[in-house]
Amino acid sequence: MPSNAILEQKQQVVAELTEKIKNSASGVVVNYQGITVEDDTKMRKALREAGVSYTVMKNSLTGRACDNCGYGEIKQYLSGMTAIAVSADDAVAPAKILKQYADKIESFKLLAGYVDGEVLDTAGVEKLASIPSRETLITQLLVCVRSPLVNLVYVLDTAAKNGGAPATEEAAEAPAEEAATEAQA
């Protein structure tokens, strides 16, 4: 039977991981078997730079922390050499970075994860990894908002240059064609 000091130590470790999971946007569980020290070092650096915490812990302790957070379904994936990557801010970062290594190393596997209170299986984690980064999504949104504004400025500028006269056919067709294309989409 373990001593009280060891039990208290394990309870503290579980409590810390529980807090980390509760305060996170997402997390991913992987089987890290087969990764070289060099690749592991690169992966941990990439995770750190993205603000992701990567922890190798006994499966039983990880399972208890997941239970405490309402992600008990993850326990079925905790066998073998597992680790958990948790991100406080970016829900996509852990999945995206770990998928790069899972694609490169045959024995390194994405097992499960969670996001927005929902447990994901391997396929769900892979879908999460395919989502563009937050910065890319913001850029795409800004391009969509900017395009009609640029067309409006172009039409107004053409009208001003013509002294208020109607725009030429060529100038009028370009924005009209783009508007028709956007309407079809």
C-alpha atoms as a PDB file:
ATOM      1  CA  MET A   1       0.000   0.000   0.000  1.00  0.00           C
ATOM      2  CA  PRO A   2       1.414   3.387  -1.000  1.00  0.00           C
ATOM      3  CA  SER A   3       2.335   5.882   1.661  1.00  0.00           C
ATOM      4  CA  ASN A   4       0.276   8.982   2.369  1.00  0.00           C
ATOM      5  CA  ALA A   5       3.024  11.204   0.953  1.00  0.00           C
ATOM      6  CA  ILE A   6       2.899   9.405  -2.408  1.00  0.00           C
ATOM      7  CA  LEU A   7      -0.908   9.550  -2.485  1.00  0.00           C
ATOM      8  CA  GLU A   8      -0.881  13.274  -1.727  1.00  0.00           C
ATOM      9  CA  GLN A   9       1.716  13.802  -4.458  1.00  0.00           C
ATOM     10  CA  LYS A  10      -0.416  11.937  -7.010  1.00  0.00           C
ATOM     11  CA  GLN A  11      -3.539  13.846  -5.932  1.00  0.00           C
ATOM     12  CA  GLN A  12      -1.653  17.103  -6.435  1.00  0.00           C
ATOM     13  CA  VAL A  13      -0.551  16.040  -9.936  1.00  0.00           C
ATOM     14  CA  VAL A  14      -4.138  15.089 -10.849  1.00  0.00           C
ATOM     15  CA  ALA A  15      -5.456  18.381  -9.434  1.00  0.00           C
ATOM     16  CA  GLU A  16      -2.945  20.381 -11.514  1.00  0.00           C
ATOM     17  CA  LEU A  17      -3.805  18.523 -14.718  1.00  0.00           C
ATOM     18  CA  THR A  18      -7.524  18.866 -13.939  1.00  0.00           C
ATOM     19  CA  GLU A  19      -7.140  22.650 -13.648  1.00  0.00           C
ATOM     20  CA  LYS A  20      -5.117  22.773 -16.861  1.00  0.00           C
ATOM     21  CA  ILE A  21      -7.809  20.836 -18.740  1.00  0.00           C
ATOM     22  CA  LYS A  22     -10.698  22.835 -17.245  1.00  0.00           C
ATOM     23  CA  ASN A  23      -9.083  26.132 -18.268  1.00  0.00           C
ATOM     24  CA  SER A  24      -8.204  25.005 -21.793  1.00  0.00           C
ATOM     25  CA  ALA A  25      -9.759  25.569 -25.197  1.00  0.00           C
ATOM     26  CA  SER A  26      -8.833  22.074 -26.388  1.00  0.00           C
ATOM     27  CA  GLY A  27      -6.629  19.086 -25.803  1.00  0.00           C
ATOM     28  CA  VAL A  28      -5.304  16.110 -27.752  1.00  0.00           C
ATOM     29  CA  VAL A  29      -4.149  12.705 -26.509  1.00  0.00           C
ATOM     30  CA  VAL A  30      -1.445  10.961 -28.523  1.00  0.00           C
ATOM     31  CA  ASN A  31       0.486   7.719 -28.476  1.00  0.00           C
ATOM     32  CA  TYR A  32       4.034   9.036 -28.752  1.00  0.00           C
ATOM     33  CA  GLN A  33       5.683   5.659 -29.321  1.00  0.00           C
ATOM     34  CA  GLY A  34       8.381   5.661 -31.980  1.00  0.00           C
ATOM     35  CA  ILE A  35       9.226   9.352 -31.978  1.00  0.00           C
ATOM     36  CA  THR A  36      12.941  10.099 -32.004  1.00  0.00           C
ATOM     37  CA  VAL A  37      14.541  12.433 -29.488  1.00  0.00           C
ATOM     38  CA  GLU A  38      15.265  14.903 -32.285  1.00  0.00           C
ATOM     39  CA  ASP A  39      11.640  14.934 -33.503  1.00  0.00           C
ATOM     40  CA  ASP A  40      10.344  15.042 -29.921  1.00  0.00           C
ATOM     41  CA  THR A  41      12.500  18.090 -29.200  1.00  0.00           C
ATOM     42  CA  LYS A  42      11.267  19.859 -32.356  1.00  0.00           C
ATOM     43  CA  MET A  43       7.647  18.955 -31.582  1.00  0.00           C
ATOM     44  CA  ARG A  44       7.862  20.204 -27.979  1.00  0.00           C
ATOM     45  CA  LYS A  45       9.434  23.456 -29.189  1.00  0.00           C
ATOM     46  CA  ALA A  46       6.640  23.987 -31.729  1.00  0.00           C
ATOM     47  CA  LEU A  47       4.028  23.238 -29.060  1.00  0.00           C
ATOM     48  CA  ARG A  48       5.655  25.650 -26.592  1.00  0.00           C
ATOM     49  CA  GLU A  49       5.791  28.416 -29.210  1.00  0.00           C
ATOM     50  CA  ALA A  50       2.074  27.896 -29.874  1.00  0.00           C
ATOM     51  CA  GLY A  51       1.285  28.118 -26.139  1.00  0.00           C
ATOM     52  CA  VAL A  52       0.472  24.413 -25.822  1.00  0.00           C
ATOM     53  CA  SER A  53       1.332  22.421 -22.709  1.00  0.00           C
ATOM     54  CA  TYR A  54       2.530  18.859 -23.483  1.00  0.00           C
ATOM     55  CA  THR A  55       2.521  16.378 -20.590  1.00  0.00           C
ATOM     56  CA  VAL A  56       3.557  12.745 -20.367  1.00  0.00           C
ATOM     57  CA  MET A  57       1.829  11.190 -17.376  1.00  0.00           C
ATOM     58  CA  LYS A  58       0.628   7.825 -16.170  1.00  0.00           C
ATOM     59  CA  ASN A  59      -2.583   6.829 -17.939  1.00  0.00           C
ATOM     60  CA  SER A  60      -4.441   6.313 -14.660  1.00  0.00           C
ATOM     61  CA  LEU A  61      -3.641   9.864 -13.510  1.00  0.00           C
ATOM     62  CA  THR A  62      -4.590  11.372 -16.884  1.00  0.00           C
ATOM     63  CA  GLY A  63      -7.819   9.348 -16.763  1.00  0.00           C
ATOM     64  CA  ARG A  64      -8.702  10.702 -13.318  1.00  0.00           C
ATOM     65  CA  ALA A  65      -8.081  14.272 -14.455  1.00  0.00           C
ATOM     66  CA  CYS A  66     -10.274  13.706 -17.518  1.00  0.00           C
ATOM     67  CA  ASP A  67     -13.010  12.237 -15.283  1.00  0.00           C
ATOM     68  CA  ASN A  68     -12.840  15.301 -13.044  1.00  0.00           C
ATOM     69  CA  CYS A  69     -13.430  17.542 -16.085  1.00  0.00           C
ATOM     70  CA  GLY A  70     -16.281  15.540 -17.595  1.00  0.00           C
ATOM     71  CA  TYR A  71     -14.177  13.973 -20.357  1.00  0.00           C
ATOM     72  CA  GLY A  72     -14.366  10.416 -18.994  1.00  0.00           C
ATOM     73  CA  GLU A  73     -14.815   9.020 -22.521  1.00  0.00           C
ATOM     74  CA  ILE A  74     -11.133   9.766 -23.175  1.00  0.00           C
ATOM     75  CA  LYS A  75     -10.131   7.033 -20.700  1.00  0.00           C
ATOM     76  CA  GLN A  76     -10.841   4.346 -23.308  1.00  0.00           C
ATOM     77  CA  TYR A  77      -7.979   5.755 -25.420  1.00  0.00           C
ATOM     78  CA  LEU A  78      -5.440   5.792 -22.593  1.00  0.00           C
ATOM     79  CA  SER A  79      -3.306   2.723 -23.112  1.00  0.00           C
ATOM     80  CA  GLY A  80       0.329   2.400 -23.981  1.00  0.00           C
ATOM     81  CA  MET A  81       2.662   5.369 -24.152  1.00  0.00           C
ATOM     82  CA  THR A  82       0.365   8.397 -24.096  1.00  0.00           C
ATOM     83  CA  ALA A  83       0.735  12.118 -23.630  1.00  0.00           C
ATOM     84  CA  ILE A  84      -1.726  14.988 -23.559  1.00  0.00           C
ATOM     85  CA  ALA A  85      -1.313  18.363 -25.237  1.00  0.00           C
ATOM     86  CA  VAL A  86      -3.500  21.161 -23.844  1.00  0.00           C
ATOM     87  CA  SER A  87      -3.975  24.673 -25.214  1.00  0.00           C
ATOM     88  CA  ALA A  88      -5.458  27.456 -23.136  1.00  0.00           C
ATOM     89  CA  ASP A  89      -6.172  29.809 -26.073  1.00  0.00           C
ATOM     90  CA  ASP A  90      -5.931  28.230 -29.530  1.00  0.00           C
ATOM     91  CA  ALA A  91      -8.329  25.313 -29.984  1.00  0.00           C
ATOM     92  CA  VAL A  92      -6.674  24.192 -33.222  1.00  0.00           C
ATOM     93  CA  ALA A  93      -2.954  24.406 -32.326  1.00  0.00           C
ATOM     94  CA  PRO A  94      -2.493  21.075 -30.470  1.00  0.00           C
ATOM     95  CA  ALA A  95      -4.264  19.063 -33.160  1.00  0.00           C
ATOM     96  CA  LYS A  96      -2.508  20.848 -36.028  1.00  0.00           C
ATOM     97  CA  ILE A  97       1.023  20.470 -34.627  1.00  0.00           C
ATOM     98  CA  LEU A  98       0.599  16.875 -33.454  1.00  0.00           C
ATOM     99  CA  LYS A  99      -0.994  15.840 -36.766  1.00  0.00           C
ATOM    100  CA  GLN A 100       2.173  16.939 -38.577  1.00  0.00           C
ATOM    101  CA  TYR A 101       4.137  14.393 -36.546  1.00  0.00           C
ATOM    102  CA  ALA A 102       1.461  11.713 -36.825  1.00  0.00           C
ATOM    103  CA  ASP A 103       1.635  12.063 -40.617  1.00  0.00           C
ATOM    104  CA  LYS A 104       5.430  11.865 -40.577  1.00  0.00           C
ATOM    105  CA  ILE A 105       5.960   9.070 -38.007  1.00  0.00           C
ATOM    106  CA  GLU A 106       3.973   5.884 -38.580  1.00  0.00           C
ATOM    107  CA  SER A 107       3.864   4.756 -34.927  1.00  0.00           C
ATOM    108  CA  PHE A 108       2.997   8.237 -33.544  1.00  0.00           C
ATOM    109  CA  LYS A 109      -0.818   8.282 -33.363  1.00  0.00           C
ATOM    110  CA  LEU A 110      -3.521  10.801 -32.601  1.00  0.00           C
ATOM    111  CA  LEU A 111      -5.884   9.001 -30.225  1.00  0.00           C
ATOM    112  CA  ALA A 112      -8.561  11.416 -29.016  1.00  0.00           C
ATOM    113  CA  GLY A 113      -9.182  14.950 -27.904  1.00  0.00           C
ATOM    114  CA  TYR A 114     -11.713  17.458 -26.719  1.00  0.00           C
ATOM    115  CA  VAL A 115     -12.925  20.889 -27.731  1.00  0.00           C
ATOM    116  CA  ASP A 116     -15.887  22.970 -26.526  1.00  0.00           C
ATOM    117  CA  GLY A 117     -16.897  20.333 -23.978  1.00  0.00           C
ATOM    118  CA  GLU A 118     -17.081  17.564 -26.581  1.00  0.00           C
ATOM    119  CA  VAL A 119     -14.838  14.502 -26.752  1.00  0.00           C
ATOM    120  CA  LEU A 120     -13.398  13.787 -30.201  1.00  0.00           C
ATOM    121  CA  ASP A 121     -12.177  10.502 -31.633  1.00  0.00           C
ATOM    122  CA  THR A 122      -9.204  10.266 -34.007  1.00  0.00           C
ATOM    123  CA  ALA A 123     -11.249  11.395 -37.005  1.00  0.00           C
ATOM    124  CA  GLY A 124     -12.576  14.370 -35.046  1.00  0.00           C
ATOM    125  CA  VAL A 125      -9.059  15.427 -34.044  1.00  0.00           C
ATOM    126  CA  GLU A 126      -7.941  15.177 -37.684  1.00  0.00           C
ATOM    127  CA  LYS A 127     -10.882  17.377 -38.756  1.00  0.00           C
ATOM    128  CA  LEU A 128      -9.942  19.871 -36.056  1.00  0.00           C
ATOM    129  CA  ALA A 129      -6.365  19.882 -37.362  1.00  0.00           C
ATOM    130  CA  SER A 130      -7.597  20.728 -40.869  1.00  0.00           C
ATOM    131  CA  ILE A 131      -9.247  23.977 -39.745  1.00  0.00           C
ATOM    132  CA  PRO A 132      -7.212  27.006 -40.815  1.00  0.00           C
ATOM    133  CA  SER A 133      -5.525  29.015 -38.082  1.00  0.00           C
ATOM    134  CA  ARG A 134      -7.296  31.929 -36.446  1.00  0.00           C
ATOM    135  CA  GLU A 135      -5.107  34.411 -38.325  1.00  0.00           C
ATOM    136  CA  THR A 136      -5.949  32.795 -41.671  1.00  0.00           C
ATOM    137  CA  LEU A 137      -9.679  32.888 -40.924  1.00  0.00           C
ATOM    138  CA  ILE A 138      -9.484  36.570 -39.951  1.00  0.00           C
ATOM    139  CA  THR A 139      -7.579  37.336 -43.156  1.00  0.00           C
ATOM    140  CA  GLN A 140     -10.204  35.523 -45.237  1.00  0.00           C
ATOM    141  CA  LEU A 141     -12.977  37.475 -43.526  1.00  0.00           C
ATOM    142  CA  LEU A 142     -11.226  40.792 -44.122  1.00  0.00           C
ATOM    143  CA  VAL A 143     -10.735  39.969 -47.812  1.00  0.00           C
ATOM    144  CA  CYS A 144     -14.465  39.205 -48.120  1.00  0.00           C
ATOM    145  CA  VAL A 145     -15.398  42.483 -46.426  1.00  0.00           C
ATOM    146  CA  ARG A 146     -12.826  44.512 -48.372  1.00  0.00           C
ATOM    147  CA  SER A 147     -13.794  43.327 -51.873  1.00  0.00           C
ATOM    148  CA  PRO A 148     -17.215  45.041 -52.119  1.00  0.00           C
ATOM    149  CA  LEU A 149     -15.771  48.209 -50.608  1.00  0.00           C
ATOM    150  CA  VAL A 150     -13.011  48.324 -53.222  1.00  0.00           C
ATOM    151  CA  ASN A 151     -15.606  47.900 -55.976  1.00  0.00           C
ATOM    152  CA  LEU A 152     -17.702  50.731 -54.544  1.00  0.00           C
ATOM    153  CA  VAL A 153     -14.687  53.040 -54.396  1.00  0.00           C
ATOM    154  CA  TYR A 154     -13.811  52.101 -57.986  1.00  0.00           C
ATOM    155  CA  VAL A 155     -17.311  52.967 -59.221  1.00  0.00           C
ATOM    156  CA  LEU A 156     -17.425  56.240 -57.263  1.00  0.00           C
ATOM    157  CA  ASP A 157     -13.960  57.210 -58.490  1.00  0.00           C
ATOM    158  CA  THR A 158     -14.938  56.506 -62.091  1.00  0.00           C
ATOM    159  CA  ALA A 159     -18.105  58.559 -61.706  1.00  0.00           C
ATOM    160  CA  ALA A 160     -16.126  61.448 -60.193  1.00  0.00           C
ATOM    161  CA  LYS A 161     -13.555  61.352 -63.014  1.00  0.00           C
ATOM    162  CA  ASN A 162     -16.345  61.436 -65.608  1.00  0.00           C
ATOM    163  CA  GLY A 163     -17.852  64.493 -63.947  1.00  0.00           C
ATOM    164  CA  GLY A 164     -20.923  62.642 -62.782  1.00  0.00           C
ATOM    165  CA  ALA A 165     -21.557  61.173 -66.212  1.00  0.00           C
ATOM    166  CA  PRO A 166     -22.508  57.511 -66.420  1.00  0.00           C
ATOM    167  CA  ALA A 167     -19.590  55.112 -66.286  1.00  0.00           C
ATOM    168  CA  THR A 168     -18.359  53.627 -69.529  1.00  0.00           C
ATOM    169  CA  GLU A 169     -19.480  50.129 -70.394  1.00  0.00           C
ATOM    170  CA  GLU A 170     -16.071  48.724 -69.518  1.00  0.00           C
ATOM    171  CA  ALA A 171     -16.011  50.336 -66.055  1.00  0.00           C
ATOM    172  CA  ALA A 172     -19.614  49.368 -65.309  1.00  0.00           C
ATOM    173  CA  GLU A 173     -19.174  45.731 -66.353  1.00  0.00           C
ATOM    174  CA  ALA A 174     -16.281  44.881 -64.010  1.00  0.00           C
ATOM    175  CA  PRO A 175     -18.103  45.538 -60.700  1.00  0.00           C
ATOM    176  CA  ALA A 176     -21.375  44.141 -62.108  1.00  0.00           C
ATOM    177  CA  GLU A 177     -19.665  40.886 -63.107  1.00  0.00           C
ATOM    178  CA  GLU A 178     -18.053  40.558 -59.672  1.00  0.00           C
ATOM    179  CA  ALA A 179     -21.396  41.250 -57.964  1.00  0.00           C
ATOM    180  CA  ALA A 180     -23.072  38.591 -60.105  1.00  0.00           C
ATOM    181  CA  THR A 181     -20.325  36.095 -59.272  1.00  0.00           C
ATOM    182  CA  GLU A 182     -20.670  36.829 -55.528  1.00  0.00           C
ATOM    183  CA  ALA A 183     -24.474  36.515 -55.748  1.00  0.00           C
ATOM    184  CA  GLN A 184     -24.157  33.072 -57.343  1.00  0.00           C
ATOM    185  CA  ALA A 185     -21.775  31.906 -54.616  1.00  0.00           C
END
